[in-house]
PDB file of all heavy atoms in Angstrom:
ATOM      1  N   GLY A   1      14.380 -10.266  23.969  1.00  0.00           N
ATOM      2  CA  GLY A   1      15.346  -9.314  24.075  1.00  0.00           C
ATOM      3  C   GLY A   1      16.245  -9.126  22.874  1.00  0.00           C
ATOM      4  O   GLY A   1      17.319  -8.617  22.889  1.00  0.00           O
ATOM      5  N   TRP A   2      15.777  -9.831  21.707  1.00  0.00           N
ATOM      6  CA  TRP A   2      16.763  -9.967  20.548  1.00  0.00           C
ATOM      7  C   TRP A   2      16.484  -8.684  19.720  1.00  0.00           C
ATOM      8  O   TRP A   2      17.532  -8.302  18.864  1.00  0.00           O
ATOM      9  CB  TRP A   2      16.338 -11.242  19.731  1.00  0.00           C
ATOM     10  CG  TRP A   2      16.541 -12.469  20.435  1.00  0.00           C
ATOM     11  CD1 TRP A   2      17.196 -12.643  21.706  1.00  0.00           C
ATOM     12  CD2 TRP A   2      16.185 -13.740  20.072  1.00  0.00           C
ATOM     13  NE1 TRP A   2      17.259 -13.949  21.986  1.00  0.00           N
ATOM     14  CE2 TRP A   2      16.667 -14.710  20.954  1.00  0.00           C
ATOM     15  CE3 TRP A   2      15.504 -14.293  18.893  1.00  0.00           C
ATOM     16  CZ2 TRP A   2      16.380 -16.147  20.813  1.00  0.00           C
ATOM     17  CZ3 TRP A   2      15.298 -15.592  18.788  1.00  0.00           C
ATOM     18  CH2 TRP A   2      15.707 -16.381  19.707  1.00  0.00           C
ATOM     19  N   ASN A   3      15.464  -8.055  19.910  1.00  0.00           N
ATOM     20  CA  ASN A   3      15.103  -6.897  18.990  1.00  0.00           C
ATOM     21  C   ASN A   3      15.100  -5.675  19.781  1.00  0.00           C
ATOM     22  O   ASN A   3      14.036  -5.466  20.462  1.00  0.00           O
ATOM     23  CB  ASN A   3      13.839  -7.093  18.130  1.00  0.00           C
ATOM     24  CG  ASN A   3      13.657  -6.169  17.113  1.00  0.00           C
ATOM     25  OD1 ASN A   3      14.235  -4.984  17.158  1.00  0.00           O
ATOM     26  ND2 ASN A   3      12.714  -6.311  16.096  1.00  0.00           N
ATOM     27  N   ARG A   4      16.065  -4.902  19.742  1.00  0.00           N
ATOM     28  CA  ARG A   4      16.126  -3.558  20.462  1.00  0.00           C
ATOM     29  C   ARG A   4      16.096  -2.500  19.423  1.00  0.00           C
ATOM     30  O   ARG A   4      16.473  -1.329  19.745  1.00  0.00           O
ATOM     31  CB  ARG A   4      17.279  -3.473  21.379  1.00  0.00           C
ATOM     32  CG  ARG A   4      17.253  -4.554  22.326  1.00  0.00           C
ATOM     33  CD  ARG A   4      18.384  -4.367  23.374  1.00  0.00           C
ATOM     34  NE  ARG A   4      18.503  -5.545  24.290  1.00  0.00           N
ATOM     35  CZ  ARG A   4      17.599  -5.636  25.213  1.00  0.00           C
ATOM     36  NH1 ARG A   4      16.804  -4.743  25.697  1.00  0.00           N
ATOM     37  NH2 ARG A   4      17.711  -6.813  26.139  1.00  0.00           N
ATOM     38  N   ALA A   5      15.857  -2.705  18.141  1.00  0.00           N
ATOM     39  CA  ALA A   5      15.985  -1.771  16.923  1.00  0.00           C
ATOM     40  C   ALA A   5      14.590  -1.260  16.577  1.00  0.00           C
ATOM     41  O   ALA A   5      14.587  -0.038  16.113  1.00  0.00           O
ATOM     42  CB  ALA A   5      16.765  -2.406  15.794  1.00  0.00           C
ATOM     43  N   THR A   6      13.642  -2.156  16.361  1.00  0.00           N
ATOM     44  CA  THR A   6      12.426  -1.796  15.828  1.00  0.00           C
ATOM     45  C   THR A   6      11.194  -1.833  16.843  1.00  0.00           C
ATOM     46  O   THR A   6      11.111  -2.932  17.571  1.00  0.00           O
ATOM     47  CB  THR A   6      12.053  -2.621  14.612  1.00  0.00           C
ATOM     48  OG1 THR A   6      12.067  -4.048  14.973  1.00  0.00           O
ATOM     49  CG2 THR A   6      13.067  -2.408  13.534  1.00  0.00           C
ATOM     50  N   PRO A   7      10.397  -0.905  16.946  1.00  0.00           N
ATOM     51  CA  PRO A   7       9.214  -1.042  17.874  1.00  0.00           C
ATOM     52  C   PRO A   7       8.150  -2.080  17.497  1.00  0.00           C
ATOM     53  O   PRO A   7       8.101  -2.452  16.206  1.00  0.00           O
ATOM     54  CB  PRO A   7       8.641   0.410  17.878  1.00  0.00           C
ATOM     55  CG  PRO A   7       8.920   0.872  16.544  1.00  0.00           C
ATOM     56  CD  PRO A   7      10.373   0.384  16.305  1.00  0.00           C
ATOM     57  N   GLN A   8       7.460  -2.622  18.421  1.00  0.00           N
ATOM     58  CA  GLN A   8       6.398  -3.658  18.172  1.00  0.00           C
ATOM     59  C   GLN A   8       5.151  -3.086  18.218  1.00  0.00           C
ATOM     60  O   GLN A   8       4.739  -2.229  19.118  1.00  0.00           O
ATOM     61  CB  GLN A   8       6.513  -4.739  19.078  1.00  0.00           C
ATOM     62  CG  GLN A   8       5.655  -5.867  18.876  1.00  0.00           C
ATOM     63  CD  GLN A   8       5.482  -6.854  20.077  1.00  0.00           C
ATOM     64  OE1 GLN A   8       5.513  -6.441  21.075  1.00  0.00           O
ATOM     65  NE2 GLN A   8       5.258  -8.172  19.716  1.00  0.00           N
ATOM     66  N   ARG A   9       4.330  -3.460  17.173  1.00  0.00           N
ATOM     67  CA  ARG A   9       2.852  -2.990  17.109  1.00  0.00           C
ATOM     68  C   ARG A   9       2.013  -4.153  17.635  1.00  0.00           C
ATOM     69  O   ARG A   9       2.123  -5.215  17.085  1.00  0.00           O
ATOM     70  CB  ARG A   9       2.408  -2.583  15.763  1.00  0.00           C
ATOM     71  CG  ARG A   9       3.334  -1.389  15.042  1.00  0.00           C
ATOM     72  CD  ARG A   9       2.857  -0.040  15.612  1.00  0.00           C
ATOM     73  NE  ARG A   9       1.790   0.302  14.812  1.00  0.00           N
ATOM     74  CZ  ARG A   9       1.863   0.835  13.626  1.00  0.00           C
ATOM     75  NH1 ARG A   9       2.982   1.198  12.974  1.00  0.00           N
ATOM     76  NH2 ARG A   9       0.794   1.365  13.068  1.00  0.00           N
ATOM     77  N   ARG A  10       1.175  -3.956  18.554  1.00  0.00           N
ATOM     78  CA  ARG A  10       0.219  -4.974  19.070  1.00  0.00           C
ATOM     79  C   ARG A  10      -1.165  -4.604  18.787  1.00  0.00           C
ATOM     80  O   ARG A  10      -1.633  -3.613  19.159  1.00  0.00           O
ATOM     81  CB  ARG A  10       0.422  -5.334  20.492  1.00  0.00           C
ATOM     82  CG  ARG A  10       1.800  -5.824  20.832  1.00  0.00           C
ATOM     83  CD  ARG A  10       2.118  -5.898  22.435  1.00  0.00           C
ATOM     84  NE  ARG A  10       2.249  -4.686  22.953  1.00  0.00           N
ATOM     85  CZ  ARG A  10       1.984  -4.374  24.197  1.00  0.00           C
ATOM     86  NH1 ARG A  10       1.391  -5.330  25.005  1.00  0.00           N
ATOM     87  NH2 ARG A  10       2.130  -3.153  24.693  1.00  0.00           N
ATOM     88  N   ILE A  11      -1.911  -5.576  18.032  1.00  0.00           N
ATOM     89  CA  ILE A  11      -3.159  -5.046  17.525  1.00  0.00           C
ATOM     90  C   ILE A  11      -4.253  -6.022  17.912  1.00  0.00           C
ATOM     91  O   ILE A  11      -4.141  -7.254  17.865  1.00  0.00           O
ATOM     92  CB  ILE A  11      -3.078  -5.039  15.910  1.00  0.00           C
ATOM     93  CG1 ILE A  11      -2.112  -4.102  15.508  1.00  0.00           C
ATOM     94  CG2 ILE A  11      -4.464  -4.733  15.252  1.00  0.00           C
ATOM     95  CD1 ILE A  11      -1.575  -4.249  14.094  1.00  0.00           C
ATOM     96  N   VAL A  12      -5.411  -5.479  18.285  1.00  0.00           N
ATOM     97  CA  VAL A  12      -6.632  -6.247  18.581  1.00  0.00           C
ATOM     98  C   VAL A  12      -7.577  -5.947  17.463  1.00  0.00           C
ATOM     99  O   VAL A  12      -8.036  -4.756  17.232  1.00  0.00           O
ATOM    100  CB  VAL A  12      -7.240  -5.989  19.963  1.00  0.00           C
ATOM    101  CG1 VAL A  12      -8.607  -6.703  20.116  1.00  0.00           C
ATOM    102  CG2 VAL A  12      -6.225  -6.220  20.991  1.00  0.00           C
ATOM    103  N   LEU A  13      -8.190  -6.958  16.726  1.00  0.00           N
ATOM    104  CA  LEU A  13      -9.125  -6.757  15.661  1.00  0.00           C
ATOM    105  C   LEU A  13     -10.473  -6.972  16.125  1.00  0.00           C
ATOM    106  O   LEU A  13     -10.835  -7.894  16.780  1.00  0.00           O
ATOM    107  CB  LEU A  13      -8.872  -7.772  14.485  1.00  0.00           C
ATOM    108  CG  LEU A  13      -9.808  -7.766  13.413  1.00  0.00           C
ATOM    109  CD1 LEU A  13      -9.620  -6.466  12.550  1.00  0.00           C
ATOM    110  CD2 LEU A  13      -9.589  -8.919  12.454  1.00  0.00           C
ATOM    111  N   ASP A  14     -11.286  -5.779  16.281  1.00  0.00           N
ATOM    112  CA  ASP A  14     -12.463  -5.793  17.003  1.00  0.00           C
ATOM    113  C   ASP A  14     -13.563  -5.061  16.074  1.00  0.00           C
ATOM    114  O   ASP A  14     -13.794  -3.709  16.362  1.00  0.00           O
ATOM    115  CB  ASP A  14     -12.440  -5.135  18.284  1.00  0.00           C
ATOM    116  CG  ASP A  14     -13.710  -5.129  19.105  1.00  0.00           C
ATOM    117  OD1 ASP A  14     -14.642  -5.955  18.886  1.00  0.00           O
ATOM    118  OD2 ASP A  14     -13.720  -4.304  20.118  1.00  0.00           O
ATOM    119  N   GLY A  15     -14.142  -5.674  15.107  1.00  0.00           N
ATOM    120  CA  GLY A  15     -14.954  -4.948  14.232  1.00  0.00           C
ATOM    121  C   GLY A  15     -16.190  -4.265  14.878  1.00  0.00           C
ATOM    122  O   GLY A  15     -16.479  -3.040  14.547  1.00  0.00           O
ATOM    123  N   ASP A  16     -16.750  -4.714  15.907  1.00  0.00           N
ATOM    124  CA  ASP A  16     -17.863  -4.123  16.625  1.00  0.00           C
ATOM    125  C   ASP A  16     -17.494  -3.292  17.794  1.00  0.00           C
ATOM    126  O   ASP A  16     -18.408  -2.534  18.398  1.00  0.00           O
ATOM    127  CB  ASP A  16     -18.811  -5.266  17.080  1.00  0.00           C
ATOM    128  CG  ASP A  16     -19.455  -6.028  15.940  1.00  0.00           C
ATOM    129  OD1 ASP A  16     -19.668  -5.434  14.903  1.00  0.00           O
ATOM    130  OD2 ASP A  16     -19.614  -7.228  16.135  1.00  0.00           O
ATOM    131  N   PHE A  17     -16.288  -3.114  18.121  1.00  0.00           N
ATOM    132  CA  PHE A  17     -15.796  -2.398  19.109  1.00  0.00           C
ATOM    133  C   PHE A  17     -16.390  -2.731  20.526  1.00  0.00           C
ATOM    134  O   PHE A  17     -16.879  -2.040  21.343  1.00  0.00           O
ATOM    135  CB  PHE A  17     -15.954  -0.979  18.909  1.00  0.00           C
ATOM    136  CG  PHE A  17     -15.013  -0.042  19.790  1.00  0.00           C
ATOM    137  CD1 PHE A  17     -13.770  -0.409  20.160  1.00  0.00           C
ATOM    138  CD2 PHE A  17     -15.451   1.276  20.160  1.00  0.00           C
ATOM    139  CE1 PHE A  17     -12.921   0.357  20.882  1.00  0.00           C
ATOM    140  CE2 PHE A  17     -14.521   2.084  20.829  1.00  0.00           C
ATOM    141  CZ  PHE A  17     -13.254   1.643  21.333  1.00  0.00           C
ATOM    142  N   ARG A  18     -16.481  -4.078  20.783  1.00  0.00           N
ATOM    143  CA  ARG A  18     -17.008  -4.541  22.008  1.00  0.00           C
ATOM    144  C   ARG A  18     -15.865  -5.129  22.994  1.00  0.00           C
ATOM    145  O   ARG A  18     -16.250  -5.572  23.991  1.00  0.00           O
ATOM    146  CB  ARG A  18     -18.016  -5.764  21.640  1.00  0.00           C
ATOM    147  CG  ARG A  18     -19.178  -5.291  20.910  1.00  0.00           C
ATOM    148  CD  ARG A  18     -20.145  -6.497  20.493  1.00  0.00           C
ATOM    149  NE  ARG A  18     -21.259  -6.138  19.812  1.00  0.00           N
ATOM    150  CZ  ARG A  18     -22.197  -6.972  19.471  1.00  0.00           C
ATOM    151  NH1 ARG A  18     -21.941  -8.325  19.609  1.00  0.00           N
ATOM    152  NH2 ARG A  18     -23.137  -6.522  18.638  1.00  0.00           N
ATOM    153  N   VAL A  19     -14.706  -4.782  22.717  1.00  0.00           N
ATOM    154  CA  VAL A  19     -13.627  -5.310  23.448  1.00  0.00           C
ATOM    155  C   VAL A  19     -13.617  -4.803  24.861  1.00  0.00           C
ATOM    156  O   VAL A  19     -14.136  -3.615  25.129  1.00  0.00           O
ATOM    157  CB  VAL A  19     -12.283  -4.880  22.794  1.00  0.00           C
ATOM    158  CG1 VAL A  19     -12.033  -3.444  22.904  1.00  0.00           C
ATOM    159  CG2 VAL A  19     -11.097  -5.636  23.481  1.00  0.00           C
ATOM    160  N   ARG A  20     -13.342  -5.677  25.884  1.00  0.00           N
ATOM    161  CA  ARG A  20     -13.246  -5.214  27.330  1.00  0.00           C
ATOM    162  C   ARG A  20     -12.109  -4.283  27.559  1.00  0.00           C
ATOM    163  O   ARG A  20     -11.022  -4.574  27.088  1.00  0.00           O
ATOM    164  CB  ARG A  20     -13.184  -6.488  28.107  1.00  0.00           C
ATOM    165  CG  ARG A  20     -14.331  -7.463  28.159  1.00  0.00           C
ATOM    166  CD  ARG A  20     -14.370  -8.233  29.484  1.00  0.00           C
ATOM    167  NE  ARG A  20     -12.989  -8.812  29.867  1.00  0.00           N
ATOM    168  CZ  ARG A  20     -12.551  -9.868  29.629  1.00  0.00           C
ATOM    169  NH1 ARG A  20     -13.356 -10.864  28.909  1.00  0.00           N
ATOM    170  NH2 ARG A  20     -11.365 -10.293  30.131  1.00  0.00           N
ATOM    171  N   GLU A  21     -12.417  -3.380  28.357  1.00  0.00           N
ATOM    172  CA  GLU A  21     -11.296  -2.362  28.543  1.00  0.00           C
ATOM    173  C   GLU A  21     -10.442  -2.861  29.575  1.00  0.00           C
ATOM    174  O   GLU A  21      -9.316  -2.306  29.797  1.00  0.00           O
ATOM    175  CB  GLU A  21     -11.993  -1.105  29.113  1.00  0.00           C
ATOM    176  CG  GLU A  21     -12.894  -0.321  28.038  1.00  0.00           C
ATOM    177  CD  GLU A  21     -13.616   0.976  28.640  1.00  0.00           C
ATOM    178  OE1 GLU A  21     -12.911   1.763  29.258  1.00  0.00           O
ATOM    179  OE2 GLU A  21     -14.791   0.965  28.579  1.00  0.00           O
ATOM    180  N   SER A  22     -10.738  -3.919  30.341  1.00  0.00           N
ATOM    181  CA  SER A  22      -9.929  -4.474  31.399  1.00  0.00           C
ATOM    182  C   SER A  22      -8.958  -5.501  30.937  1.00  0.00           C
ATOM    183  O   SER A  22      -8.160  -6.262  31.601  1.00  0.00           O
ATOM    184  CB  SER A  22     -10.785  -5.195  32.445  1.00  0.00           C
ATOM    185  OG  SER A  22     -11.606  -6.165  31.853  1.00  0.00           O
ATOM    186  N   LEU A  23      -8.875  -5.732  29.462  1.00  0.00           N
ATOM    187  CA  LEU A  23      -7.845  -6.546  29.032  1.00  0.00           C
ATOM    188  C   LEU A  23      -6.455  -6.418  29.619  1.00  0.00           C
ATOM    189  O   LEU A  23      -5.940  -5.118  29.533  1.00  0.00           O
ATOM    190  CB  LEU A  23      -7.749  -6.633  27.415  1.00  0.00           C
ATOM    191  CG  LEU A  23      -8.936  -7.251  26.682  1.00  0.00           C
ATOM    192  CD1 LEU A  23      -8.589  -7.047  25.238  1.00  0.00           C
ATOM    193  CD2 LEU A  23      -9.110  -8.696  27.081  1.00  0.00           C
ATOM    194  N   PRO A  24      -5.774  -7.406  30.010  1.00  0.00           N
ATOM    195  CA  PRO A  24      -4.375  -7.248  30.460  1.00  0.00           C
ATOM    196  C   PRO A  24      -3.367  -6.562  29.357  1.00  0.00           C
ATOM    197  O   PRO A  24      -2.542  -5.888  29.722  1.00  0.00           O
ATOM    198  CB  PRO A  24      -3.874  -8.637  30.725  1.00  0.00           C
ATOM    199  CG  PRO A  24      -5.105  -9.430  31.061  1.00  0.00           C
ATOM    200  CD  PRO A  24      -6.203  -8.872  30.159  1.00  0.00           C
ATOM    201  N   LEU A  25      -3.730  -6.843  28.178  1.00  0.00           N
ATOM    202  CA  LEU A  25      -2.921  -6.383  26.966  1.00  0.00           C
ATOM    203  C   LEU A  25      -2.901  -4.784  26.981  1.00  0.00           C
ATOM    204  O   LEU A  25      -1.911  -4.099  26.699  1.00  0.00           O
ATOM    205  CB  LEU A  25      -3.669  -6.797  25.743  1.00  0.00           C
ATOM    206  CG  LEU A  25      -3.112  -6.231  24.321  1.00  0.00           C
ATOM    207  CD1 LEU A  25      -1.642  -6.546  24.199  1.00  0.00           C
ATOM    208  CD2 LEU A  25      -3.974  -6.640  23.234  1.00  0.00           C
ATOM    209  N   PHE A  26      -4.040  -4.171  27.496  1.00  0.00           N
ATOM    210  CA  PHE A  26      -4.219  -2.748  27.526  1.00  0.00           C
ATOM    211  C   PHE A  26      -3.254  -2.064  28.640  1.00  0.00           C
ATOM    212  O   PHE A  26      -3.170  -0.844  28.712  1.00  0.00           O
ATOM    213  CB  PHE A  26      -5.545  -2.312  27.668  1.00  0.00           C
ATOM    214  CG  PHE A  26      -6.424  -2.618  26.454  1.00  0.00           C
ATOM    215  CD1 PHE A  26      -7.790  -2.817  26.595  1.00  0.00           C
ATOM    216  CD2 PHE A  26      -5.879  -2.869  25.230  1.00  0.00           C
ATOM    217  CE1 PHE A  26      -8.551  -3.119  25.415  1.00  0.00           C
ATOM    218  CE2 PHE A  26      -6.573  -3.108  24.002  1.00  0.00           C
ATOM    219  CZ  PHE A  26      -7.912  -3.375  24.289  1.00  0.00           C
ATOM    220  N   GLY A  27      -2.664  -2.940  29.511  1.00  0.00           N
ATOM    221  CA  GLY A  27      -1.942  -2.303  30.615  1.00  0.00           C
ATOM    222  C   GLY A  27      -0.420  -2.747  30.540  1.00  0.00           C
ATOM    223  O   GLY A  27       0.218  -2.508  31.452  1.00  0.00           O
ATOM    224  N   ALA A  28      -0.112  -3.134  29.400  1.00  0.00           N
ATOM    225  CA  ALA A  28       1.252  -3.666  29.200  1.00  0.00           C
ATOM    226  C   ALA A  28       2.163  -2.826  28.263  1.00  0.00           C
ATOM    227  O   ALA A  28       2.767  -3.314  27.364  1.00  0.00           O
ATOM    228  CB  ALA A  28       1.139  -5.214  28.593  1.00  0.00           C
ATOM    229  N   GLY A  29       2.061  -1.578  28.565  1.00  0.00           N
ATOM    230  CA  GLY A  29       2.991  -0.744  27.613  1.00  0.00           C
ATOM    231  C   GLY A  29       2.351  -0.197  26.510  1.00  0.00           C
ATOM    232  O   GLY A  29       1.203  -0.443  26.193  1.00  0.00           O
ATOM    233  N   GLY A  30       3.021   0.556  25.701  1.00  0.00           N
ATOM    234  CA  GLY A  30       2.667   1.215  24.445  1.00  0.00           C
ATOM    235  C   GLY A  30       2.620   0.312  23.248  1.00  0.00           C
ATOM    236  O   GLY A  30       2.916  -0.924  23.356  1.00  0.00           O
ATOM    237  N   GLY A  31       2.320   0.934  22.198  1.00  0.00           N
ATOM    238  CA  GLY A  31       2.237   0.147  20.902  1.00  0.00           C
ATOM    239  C   GLY A  31       1.089  -0.710  20.680  1.00  0.00           C
ATOM    240  O   GLY A  31       1.020  -1.618  19.971  1.00  0.00           O
ATOM    241  N   VAL A  32      -0.019  -0.385  21.509  1.00  0.00           N
ATOM    242  CA  VAL A  32      -1.311  -1.214  21.286  1.00  0.00           C
ATOM    243  C   VAL A  32      -2.370  -0.397  20.496  1.00  0.00           C
ATOM    244  O   VAL A  32      -2.608   0.696  20.766  1.00  0.00           O
ATOM    245  CB  VAL A  32      -1.878  -1.648  22.712  1.00  0.00           C
ATOM    246  CG1 VAL A  32      -3.128  -2.434  22.641  1.00  0.00           C
ATOM    247  CG2 VAL A  32      -0.857  -2.367  23.509  1.00  0.00           C
ATOM    248  N   GLU A  33      -3.023  -1.162  19.515  1.00  0.00           N
ATOM    249  CA  GLU A  33      -4.081  -0.600  18.797  1.00  0.00           C
ATOM    250  C   GLU A  33      -5.183  -1.447  18.808  1.00  0.00           C
ATOM    251  O   GLU A  33      -5.191  -2.744  18.862  1.00  0.00           O
ATOM    252  CB  GLU A  33      -3.656  -0.334  17.387  1.00  0.00           C
ATOM    253  CG  GLU A  33      -2.342   0.554  17.200  1.00  0.00           C
ATOM    254  CD  GLU A  33      -1.984   0.615  15.698  1.00  0.00           C
ATOM    255  OE1 GLU A  33      -2.702   0.031  14.841  1.00  0.00           O
ATOM    256  OE2 GLU A  33      -0.944   1.219  15.427  1.00  0.00           O
ATOM    257  N   VAL A  34      -6.478  -0.868  18.735  1.00  0.00           N
ATOM    258  CA  VAL A  34      -7.670  -1.570  18.478  1.00  0.00           C
ATOM    259  C   VAL A  34      -8.153  -1.032  17.020  1.00  0.00           C
ATOM    260  O   VAL A  34      -8.292  -0.009  16.773  1.00  0.00           O
ATOM    261  CB  VAL A  34      -8.834  -1.351  19.590  1.00  0.00           C
ATOM    262  CG1 VAL A  34     -10.113  -1.971  19.123  1.00  0.00           C
ATOM    263  CG2 VAL A  34      -8.324  -1.718  20.864  1.00  0.00           C
TER     264      VAL A  34
END
């Protein structure tokens, strides 16, 4: 809770696009990219 000024980007690096759609990360709010 220290940073309320700048949004956070969360990124999964997946060259082959084989990532599981059920990852908990994908259900934890916005700012997620693959």
